[in-house]
C-alpha atoms as a PDB file:
ATOM      1  CA  MET A   1     -24.935  -3.122 -49.117  1.00  0.00           C
ATOM      2  CA  PHE A   2     -22.399  -0.661 -47.777  1.00  0.00           C
ATOM      3  CA  LEU A   3     -24.837   0.034 -44.888  1.00  0.00           C
ATOM      4  CA  VAL A   4     -25.414  -3.701 -44.262  1.00  0.00           C
ATOM      5  CA  ARG A   5     -21.628  -4.234 -44.332  1.00  0.00           C
ATOM      6  CA  VAL A   6     -20.918  -1.640 -41.814  1.00  0.00           C
ATOM      7  CA  CYS A   7     -23.749  -3.069 -39.307  1.00  0.00           C
ATOM      8  CA  ALA A   8     -22.318  -6.531 -39.953  1.00  0.00           C
ATOM      9  CA  ASN A   9     -18.633  -5.267 -38.938  1.00  0.00           C
ATOM     10  CA  ALA A  10     -20.214  -3.174 -36.078  1.00  0.00           C
ATOM     11  CA  ALA A  11     -21.981  -6.257 -34.647  1.00  0.00           C
ATOM     12  CA  CYS A  12     -18.751  -8.372 -34.881  1.00  0.00           C
ATOM     13  CA  ALA A  13     -16.810  -5.836 -33.205  1.00  0.00           C
ATOM     14  CA  LEU A  14     -19.430  -5.489 -30.379  1.00  0.00           C
ATOM     15  CA  LEU A  15     -19.547  -9.440 -29.960  1.00  0.00           C
ATOM     16  CA  CYS A  16     -15.543  -9.449 -29.705  1.00  0.00           C
ATOM     17  CA  PHE A  17     -15.603  -6.574 -27.311  1.00  0.00           C
ATOM     18  CA  MET A  18     -18.120  -8.259 -24.993  1.00  0.00           C
ATOM     19  CA  PHE A  19     -16.187 -11.588 -25.161  1.00  0.00           C
ATOM     20  CA  CYS A  20     -12.888  -9.800 -23.987  1.00  0.00           C
ATOM     21  CA  LEU A  21     -14.890  -8.178 -21.323  1.00  0.00           C
ATOM     22  CA  ILE A  22     -16.168 -11.601 -20.091  1.00  0.00           C
ATOM     23  CA  ALA A  23     -13.030 -13.414 -20.397  1.00  0.00           C
ATOM     24  CA  THR A  24     -11.127 -10.656 -18.440  1.00  0.00           C
ATOM     25  CA  SER A  25     -13.626 -10.084 -15.719  1.00  0.00           C
ATOM     26  CA  TRP A  26     -13.543 -13.984 -15.020  1.00  0.00           C
ATOM     27  CA  ARG A  27      -9.904 -14.244 -15.035  1.00  0.00           C
ATOM     28  CA  ALA A  28      -9.600 -10.925 -12.884  1.00  0.00           C
ATOM     29  CA  ARG A  29     -12.419 -11.998 -10.548  1.00  0.00           C
ATOM     30  CA  ARG A  30     -11.136 -15.751  -9.891  1.00  0.00           C
ATOM     31  CA  SER A  31      -7.629 -14.081  -9.391  1.00  0.00           C
ATOM     32  CA  LEU A  32      -8.879 -12.731  -6.074  1.00  0.00           C
ATOM     33  CA  ILE A  33      -8.891 -16.185  -4.357  1.00  0.00           C
ATOM     34  CA  PRO A  34      -5.616 -17.979  -4.908  1.00  0.00           C
ATOM     35  CA  PRO A  35      -5.392 -21.374  -5.574  1.00  0.00           C
ATOM     36  CA  LEU A  36      -4.488 -23.816  -2.816  1.00  0.00           C
ATOM     37  CA  GLN A  37      -1.106 -24.705  -4.579  1.00  0.00           C
ATOM     38  CA  SER A  38      -0.077 -21.060  -4.499  1.00  0.00           C
ATOM     39  CA  LEU A  39      -0.269 -20.888  -0.582  1.00  0.00           C
ATOM     40  CA  PRO A  40       2.364 -21.732   1.781  1.00  0.00           C
ATOM     41  CA  SER A  41       1.498 -25.332   3.154  1.00  0.00           C
ATOM     42  CA  PRO A  42       1.265 -25.989   6.564  1.00  0.00           C
ATOM     43  CA  SER A  43       3.669 -27.651   8.816  1.00  0.00           C
ATOM     44  CA  PHE A  44       1.420 -30.534   9.419  1.00  0.00           C
ATOM     45  CA  PRO A  45      -1.929 -31.303   7.644  1.00  0.00           C
ATOM     46  CA  PRO A  46      -4.828 -29.360   8.954  1.00  0.00           C
ATOM     47  CA  ARG A  47      -7.351 -31.315  10.981  1.00  0.00           C
ATOM     48  CA  VAL A  48     -10.217 -31.584   8.170  1.00  0.00           C
ATOM     49  CA  ALA A  49     -13.620 -33.040   8.917  1.00  0.00           C
ATOM     50  CA  VAL A  50     -16.328 -33.759   6.179  1.00  0.00           C
ATOM     51  CA  LEU A  51     -19.936 -32.797   6.593  1.00  0.00           C
ATOM     52  CA  LEU A  52     -22.356 -34.790   4.108  1.00  0.00           C
ATOM     53  CA  THR A  53     -25.639 -33.101   3.437  1.00  0.00           C
ATOM     54  CA  THR A  54     -28.078 -35.681   2.521  1.00  0.00           C
ATOM     55  CA  TRP A  55     -31.922 -36.368   1.757  1.00  0.00           C
ATOM     56  CA  VAL A  56     -32.264 -40.032   2.254  1.00  0.00           C
ATOM     57  CA  THR A  57     -35.535 -41.110   0.483  1.00  0.00           C
ATOM     58  CA  GLU A  58     -36.058 -44.905  -0.597  1.00  0.00           C
ATOM     59  CA  THR A  59     -34.870 -43.928  -4.285  1.00  0.00           C
ATOM     60  CA  ARG A  60     -32.018 -42.437  -3.081  1.00  0.00           C
ATOM     61  CA  ARG A  61     -30.850 -44.824  -0.300  1.00  0.00           C
ATOM     62  CA  PRO A  62     -28.358 -46.806  -2.597  1.00  0.00           C
ATOM     63  CA  MET A  63     -26.699 -43.754  -3.896  1.00  0.00           C
ATOM     64  CA  TYR A  64     -26.083 -42.310  -0.417  1.00  0.00           C
ATOM     65  CA  ALA A  65     -25.047 -45.499   1.226  1.00  0.00           C
ATOM     66  CA  ALA A  66     -22.341 -46.295  -1.765  1.00  0.00           C
ATOM     67  CA  ASN A  67     -20.954 -42.621  -1.466  1.00  0.00           C
ATOM     68  CA  ILE A  68     -20.662 -42.699   2.351  1.00  0.00           C
ATOM     69  CA  GLN A  69     -18.878 -45.743   2.191  1.00  0.00           C
ATOM     70  CA  ARG A  70     -16.612 -44.537  -0.517  1.00  0.00           C
ATOM     71  CA  TRP A  71     -15.689 -41.654   1.641  1.00  0.00           C
ATOM     72  CA  LEU A  72     -14.957 -43.984   4.515  1.00  0.00           C
ATOM     73  CA  ASP A  73     -12.918 -46.334   2.309  1.00  0.00           C
ATOM     74  CA  GLU A  74     -11.058 -43.715   0.051  1.00  0.00           C
ATOM     75  CA  THR A  75     -10.074 -41.338   2.970  1.00  0.00           C
ATOM     76  CA  GLU A  76      -9.100 -41.154   6.625  1.00  0.00           C
ATOM     77  CA  LEU A  77     -11.193 -38.051   7.205  1.00  0.00           C
ATOM     78  CA  PRO A  78     -13.868 -38.008   9.975  1.00  0.00           C
ATOM     79  CA  ILE A  79     -17.302 -37.918   8.329  1.00  0.00           C
ATOM     80  CA  TYR A  80     -20.446 -36.277   9.763  1.00  0.00           C
ATOM     81  CA  CYS A  81     -23.726 -36.652   7.838  1.00  0.00           C
ATOM     82  CA  VAL A  82     -26.815 -34.648   8.468  1.00  0.00           C
ATOM     83  CA  ASP A  83     -30.034 -36.096   6.913  1.00  0.00           C
ATOM     84  CA  SER A  84     -32.892 -34.053   6.378  1.00  0.00           C
ATOM     85  CA  CYS A  85     -35.380 -36.705   5.535  1.00  0.00           C
ATOM     86  CA  GLY A  86     -35.545 -37.773   9.140  1.00  0.00           C
ATOM     87  CA  GLU A  87     -35.132 -41.471   8.399  1.00  0.00           C
ATOM     88  CA  PHE A  88     -31.256 -42.192   8.198  1.00  0.00           C
ATOM     89  CA  SER A  89     -30.750 -46.020   7.801  1.00  0.00           C
ATOM     90  CA  LEU A  90     -28.392 -47.045   5.507  1.00  0.00           C
ATOM     91  CA  GLY A  91     -27.071 -49.951   7.738  1.00  0.00           C
ATOM     92  CA  ILE A  92     -23.409 -48.549   8.040  1.00  0.00           C
ATOM     93  CA  ASN A  93     -21.699 -48.159  11.432  1.00  0.00           C
ATOM     94  CA  HIS A  94     -17.847 -46.873  11.505  1.00  0.00           C
ATOM     95  CA  PRO A  95     -16.043 -45.071  14.222  1.00  0.00           C
ATOM     96  CA  ARG A  96     -15.258 -42.172  12.024  1.00  0.00           C
ATOM     97  CA  LEU A  97     -18.955 -41.910  10.698  1.00  0.00           C
ATOM     98  CA  GLN A  98     -21.279 -39.578  12.856  1.00  0.00           C
ATOM     99  CA  VAL A  99     -24.749 -38.964  11.921  1.00  0.00           C
ATOM    100  CA  CYS A 100     -27.621 -36.395  12.984  1.00  0.00           C
ATOM    101  CA  THR A 101     -31.133 -36.451  11.517  1.00  0.00           C
ATOM    102  CA  PHE A 102     -34.154 -34.190  11.395  1.00  0.00           C
ATOM    103  CA  ARG A 103     -37.192 -33.601   9.153  1.00  0.00           C
ATOM    104  CA  GLN A 104     -37.296 -30.424   6.967  1.00  0.00           C
ATOM    105  CA  ALA A 105     -40.558 -28.779   7.812  1.00  0.00           C
ATOM    106  CA  ASP A 106     -41.092 -27.740   4.270  1.00  0.00           C
ATOM    107  CA  ASN A 107     -39.012 -29.336   1.352  1.00  0.00           C
ATOM    108  CA  SER A 108     -40.667 -27.286  -1.228  1.00  0.00           C
ATOM    109  CA  LYS A 109     -38.298 -24.204  -0.470  1.00  0.00           C
ATOM    110  CA  ASN A 110     -35.174 -23.579  -2.517  1.00  0.00           C
ATOM    111  CA  SER A 111     -32.229 -25.740  -2.225  1.00  0.00           C
ATOM    112  CA  THR A 112     -30.372 -22.545  -0.494  1.00  0.00           C
ATOM    113  CA  VAL A 113     -32.914 -22.620   2.384  1.00  0.00           C
ATOM    114  CA  LEU A 114     -33.041 -26.507   2.831  1.00  0.00           C
ATOM    115  CA  GLU A 115     -28.876 -26.711   2.729  1.00  0.00           C
ATOM    116  CA  CYS A 116     -28.608 -23.924   5.108  1.00  0.00           C
ATOM    117  CA  ALA A 117     -31.107 -25.458   7.509  1.00  0.00           C
ATOM    118  CA  SER A 118     -29.088 -28.861   7.358  1.00  0.00           C
ATOM    119  CA  VAL A 119     -25.850 -27.155   7.952  1.00  0.00           C
ATOM    120  CA  ALA A 120     -27.049 -25.225  11.132  1.00  0.00           C
ATOM    121  CA  TYR A 121     -28.750 -28.251  12.422  1.00  0.00           C
ATOM    122  CA  ALA A 122     -25.497 -30.101  12.032  1.00  0.00           C
ATOM    123  CA  ASN A 123     -23.480 -27.302  13.713  1.00  0.00           C
ATOM    124  CA  ALA A 124     -26.105 -27.220  16.656  1.00  0.00           C
ATOM    125  CA  ARG A 125     -25.217 -31.005  17.089  1.00  0.00           C
ATOM    126  CA  PHE A 126     -21.658 -31.289  16.478  1.00  0.00           C
ATOM    127  CA  GLY A 127     -20.382 -27.375  16.425  1.00  0.00           C
ATOM    128  CA  HIS A 128     -18.857 -27.833  20.050  1.00  0.00           C
ATOM    129  CA  ALA A 129     -16.653 -31.059  18.888  1.00  0.00           C
ATOM    130  CA  TRP A 130     -15.695 -29.463  15.532  1.00  0.00           C
ATOM    131  CA  GLY A 131     -14.216 -26.432  17.504  1.00  0.00           C
ATOM    132  CA  LEU A 132     -12.329 -28.685  19.850  1.00  0.00           C
ATOM    133  CA  HIS A 133     -10.997 -31.245  17.097  1.00  0.00           C
ATOM    134  CA  HIS A 134     -11.164 -29.868  13.458  1.00  0.00           C
ATOM    135  CA  ASP A 135      -9.309 -26.737  11.712  1.00  0.00           C
ATOM    136  CA  PHE A 136     -11.906 -26.872   8.985  1.00  0.00           C
ATOM    137  CA  ILE A 137     -15.243 -28.243   8.412  1.00  0.00           C
ATOM    138  CA  PHE A 138     -16.099 -29.059   4.549  1.00  0.00           C
ATOM    139  CA  LYS A 139     -19.416 -29.188   3.608  1.00  0.00           C
ATOM    140  CA  VAL A 140     -19.779 -31.623   0.628  1.00  0.00           C
ATOM    141  CA  THR A 141     -23.365 -32.218  -1.201  1.00  0.00           C
ATOM    142  CA  GLY A 142     -24.091 -36.228  -0.315  1.00  0.00           C
ATOM    143  CA  LYS A 143     -24.379 -36.992  -4.020  1.00  0.00           C
ATOM    144  CA  TYR A 144     -20.768 -36.146  -4.739  1.00  0.00           C
ATOM    145  CA  VAL A 145     -17.498 -38.111  -4.129  1.00  0.00           C
ATOM    146  CA  PRO A 146     -14.736 -35.937  -5.745  1.00  0.00           C
ATOM    147  CA  VAL A 147     -11.519 -37.664  -6.425  1.00  0.00           C
ATOM    148  CA  GLY A 148      -8.430 -36.579  -4.401  1.00  0.00           C
ATOM    149  CA  PHE A 149     -10.385 -34.427  -2.059  1.00  0.00           C
ATOM    150  CA  GLU A 150      -8.290 -35.503   0.860  1.00  0.00           C
ATOM    151  CA  ARG A 151      -4.933 -34.620  -0.931  1.00  0.00           C
ATOM    152  CA  ALA A 152      -6.423 -31.306  -1.805  1.00  0.00           C
ATOM    153  CA  VAL A 153      -7.624 -30.190   1.312  1.00  0.00           C
ATOM    154  CA  ASN A 154      -4.289 -31.290   3.168  1.00  0.00           C
ATOM    155  CA  GLN A 155      -2.726 -28.280   1.325  1.00  0.00           C
ATOM    156  CA  ILE A 156      -4.758 -25.567   3.066  1.00  0.00           C
ATOM    157  CA  ALA A 157      -2.676 -23.013   4.718  1.00  0.00           C
ATOM    158  CA  SER A 158      -2.994 -22.271   8.417  1.00  0.00           C
ATOM    159  CA  GLU A 159      -3.839 -18.503   7.567  1.00  0.00           C
ATOM    160  CA  VAL A 160      -6.885 -19.469   5.370  1.00  0.00           C
ATOM    161  CA  ASP A 161     -10.376 -18.997   6.880  1.00  0.00           C
ATOM    162  CA  ILE A 162     -12.888 -20.040   4.037  1.00  0.00           C
ATOM    163  CA  VAL A 163     -12.281 -22.450   1.046  1.00  0.00           C
ATOM    164  CA  LEU A 164     -14.367 -22.120  -2.050  1.00  0.00           C
ATOM    165  CA  GLN A 165     -14.976 -24.526  -4.891  1.00  0.00           C
ATOM    166  CA  HIS A 166     -13.154 -24.517  -8.100  1.00  0.00           C
ATOM    167  CA  ARG A 167     -16.196 -24.276 -10.205  1.00  0.00           C
ATOM    168  CA  ALA A 168     -17.673 -20.626 -10.544  1.00  0.00           C
ATOM    169  CA  TRP A 169     -18.406 -18.210 -13.330  1.00  0.00           C
ATOM    170  CA  TYR A 170     -18.245 -14.283 -13.308  1.00  0.00           C
ATOM    171  CA  LEU A 171     -19.318 -11.520 -15.391  1.00  0.00           C
ATOM    172  CA  GLY A 172     -18.239  -8.186 -13.993  1.00  0.00           C
ATOM    173  CA  ARG A 173     -19.449  -8.021 -10.115  1.00  0.00           C
ATOM    174  CA  PHE A 174     -22.254 -10.175 -11.369  1.00  0.00           C
ATOM    175  CA  GLY A 175     -21.611 -14.494 -11.130  1.00  0.00           C
ATOM    176  CA  ALA A 176     -22.063 -17.488  -9.299  1.00  0.00           C
ATOM    177  CA  GLN A 177     -19.772 -19.596  -7.041  1.00  0.00           C
ATOM    178  CA  ASN A 178     -20.597 -23.115  -7.090  1.00  0.00           C
ATOM    179  CA  SER A 179     -21.693 -24.598  -3.618  1.00  0.00           C
ATOM    180  CA  GLU A 180     -21.306 -28.301  -3.823  1.00  0.00           C
ATOM    181  CA  VAL A 181     -18.343 -27.916  -1.750  1.00  0.00           C
ATOM    182  CA  TRP A 182     -17.260 -25.290   0.497  1.00  0.00           C
ATOM    183  CA  GLY A 183     -14.918 -25.239   3.672  1.00  0.00           C
ATOM    184  CA  ALA A 184     -14.512 -23.007   6.801  1.00  0.00           C
ATOM    185  CA  ARG A 185     -13.163 -22.752  10.052  1.00  0.00           C
ATOM    186  CA  PRO A 186     -15.751 -24.258  12.541  1.00  0.00           C
ATOM    187  CA  ALA A 187     -16.395 -20.836  14.217  1.00  0.00           C
ATOM    188  CA  LEU A 188     -17.558 -19.527  10.715  1.00  0.00           C
ATOM    189  CA  VAL A 189     -19.861 -22.324   9.625  1.00  0.00           C
ATOM    190  CA  PRO A 190     -22.906 -21.236  11.462  1.00  0.00           C
ATOM    191  CA  TRP A 191     -22.344 -17.521  10.045  1.00  0.00           C
ATOM    192  CA  LEU A 192     -22.242 -19.047   6.632  1.00  0.00           C
ATOM    193  CA  ALA A 193     -25.084 -21.071   7.052  1.00  0.00           C
ATOM    194  CA  ASP A 194     -27.098 -18.020   8.030  1.00  0.00           C
ATOM    195  CA  GLY A 195     -25.507 -15.921   5.522  1.00  0.00           C
ATOM    196  CA  PRO A 196     -27.613 -15.934   2.528  1.00  0.00           C
ATOM    197  CA  VAL A 197     -30.768 -13.016   3.100  1.00  0.00           C
ATOM    198  CA  GLY A 198     -33.978 -13.365   1.861  1.00  0.00           C
ATOM    199  CA  SER A 199     -34.500 -14.922  -1.796  1.00  0.00           C
ATOM    200  CA  GLN A 200     -30.443 -14.745  -2.163  1.00  0.00           C
ATOM    201  CA  ILE A 201     -28.893 -18.117  -3.165  1.00  0.00           C
ATOM    202  CA  MET A 202     -25.866 -19.783  -1.737  1.00  0.00           C
ATOM    203  CA  GLU A 203     -24.031 -19.377  -4.978  1.00  0.00           C
ATOM    204  CA  SER A 204     -24.500 -15.496  -5.028  1.00  0.00           C
ATOM    205  CA  PHE A 205     -23.607 -15.277  -1.526  1.00  0.00           C
ATOM    206  CA  LEU A 206     -20.683 -17.065  -1.774  1.00  0.00           C
ATOM    207  CA  HIS A 207     -19.497 -15.155  -4.856  1.00  0.00           C
ATOM    208  CA  GLU A 208     -19.927 -11.843  -2.919  1.00  0.00           C
ATOM    209  CA  LEU A 209     -17.903 -12.975   0.255  1.00  0.00           C
ATOM    210  CA  PRO A 210     -14.356 -11.923  -1.004  1.00  0.00           C
ATOM    211  CA  THR A 211     -15.564  -8.352  -1.881  1.00  0.00           C
ATOM    212  CA  CYS A 212     -18.021  -7.869   1.296  1.00  0.00           C
ATOM    213  CA  HIS A 213     -15.990  -9.692   3.528  1.00  0.00           C
ATOM    214  CA  SER A 214     -12.238  -8.873   2.446  1.00  0.00           C
ATOM    215  CA  HIS A 215     -10.971  -9.327   6.083  1.00  0.00           C
ATOM    216  CA  LEU A 216     -11.271 -12.658   5.920  1.00  0.00           C
ATOM    217  CA  ARG A 217      -8.865 -14.864   4.089  1.00  0.00           C
ATOM    218  CA  TYR A 218      -9.563 -17.303   1.112  1.00  0.00           C
ATOM    219  CA  ALA A 219      -8.256 -19.914  -1.080  1.00  0.00           C
ATOM    220  CA  ARG A 220      -9.553 -22.160  -3.804  1.00  0.00           C
ATOM    221  CA  LEU A 221      -9.678 -25.686  -4.447  1.00  0.00           C
ATOM    222  CA  PRO A 222      -8.227 -27.341  -7.437  1.00  0.00           C
ATOM    223  CA  ARG A 223     -10.490 -28.733  -9.990  1.00  0.00           C
ATOM    224  CA  LEU A 224     -12.013 -32.198  -8.522  1.00  0.00           C
ATOM    225  CA  GLU A 225     -13.154 -34.604 -10.982  1.00  0.00           C
ATOM    226  CA  LEU A 226     -15.868 -36.804 -10.300  1.00  0.00           C
ATOM    227  CA  ASP A 227     -16.005 -40.447 -11.391  1.00  0.00           C
ATOM    228  CA  GLN A 228     -19.264 -40.059 -13.451  1.00  0.00           C
ATOM    229  CA  ARG A 229     -21.318 -37.050 -14.571  1.00  0.00           C
ATOM    230  CA  ILE A 230     -23.718 -36.345 -11.631  1.00  0.00           C
ATOM    231  CA  PRO A 231     -27.069 -34.396 -12.361  1.00  0.00           C
ATOM    232  CA  ARG A 232     -27.865 -31.201 -10.191  1.00  0.00           C
ATOM    233  CA  ALA A 233     -31.128 -30.050  -8.963  1.00  0.00           C
ATOM    234  CA  ASP A 234     -31.707 -28.061 -11.948  1.00  0.00           C
ATOM    235  CA  GLY A 235     -30.865 -30.737 -14.428  1.00  0.00           C
ATOM    236  CA  PHE A 236     -27.315 -29.754 -15.476  1.00  0.00           C
ATOM    237  CA  ALA A 237     -24.787 -32.640 -14.897  1.00  0.00           C
ATOM    238  CA  LEU A 238     -21.427 -31.980 -13.451  1.00  0.00           C
ATOM    239  CA  GLY A 239     -18.240 -33.848 -14.239  1.00  0.00           C
ATOM    240  CA  HIS A 240     -15.985 -32.105 -11.690  1.00  0.00           C
ATOM    241  CA  LEU A 241     -16.185 -29.483  -8.743  1.00  0.00           C
END
């Protein structure tokens, strides 16, 4: 019994140590990227545009149409949309909406490859205009419409280069930075789209950015709520970004 008690106590101590390590590591890692609220506000709101990535199939058409209309109704931001299904026909015409379409050669690849291809295609179409008219481009996966997005991005300080989403997790040097939303200076957008190497996923690439590219200046969005829980491709439903 004595040996069993000793082993049980040792196991509890080990679990407590691991929990403290994870919590400390998570807090320390997140502190590398200051929240937007702690940064000095620009003298005027930055010129922000939104890039929505979509895959408009027949079953997804109503969802995308409703979401894009919400972006137009609930914000004053310019909206760009890149659809990789090749048949974008939602019947929405608006002076703040610009659309480009192409057909992914192979939609069986992982989501990082598909989304990076979409961002790269959009940059080829709109990149010159982005550089002339916008300070930041925010890539947002088209199935999400985060509440309070425009108010949050209007707090970006003038010295920031890349803005990461609130949702992330860390364990020491390992972890993942969610990629439903990220923002960058227009000149950095093609570099970010080309960033993940080999089988690396975007979440891992974004997680490593502040360490591997410390010369860039980062900020983190506040928690942005969603009106309803939205399932990701992996089946996990998100209630906030």
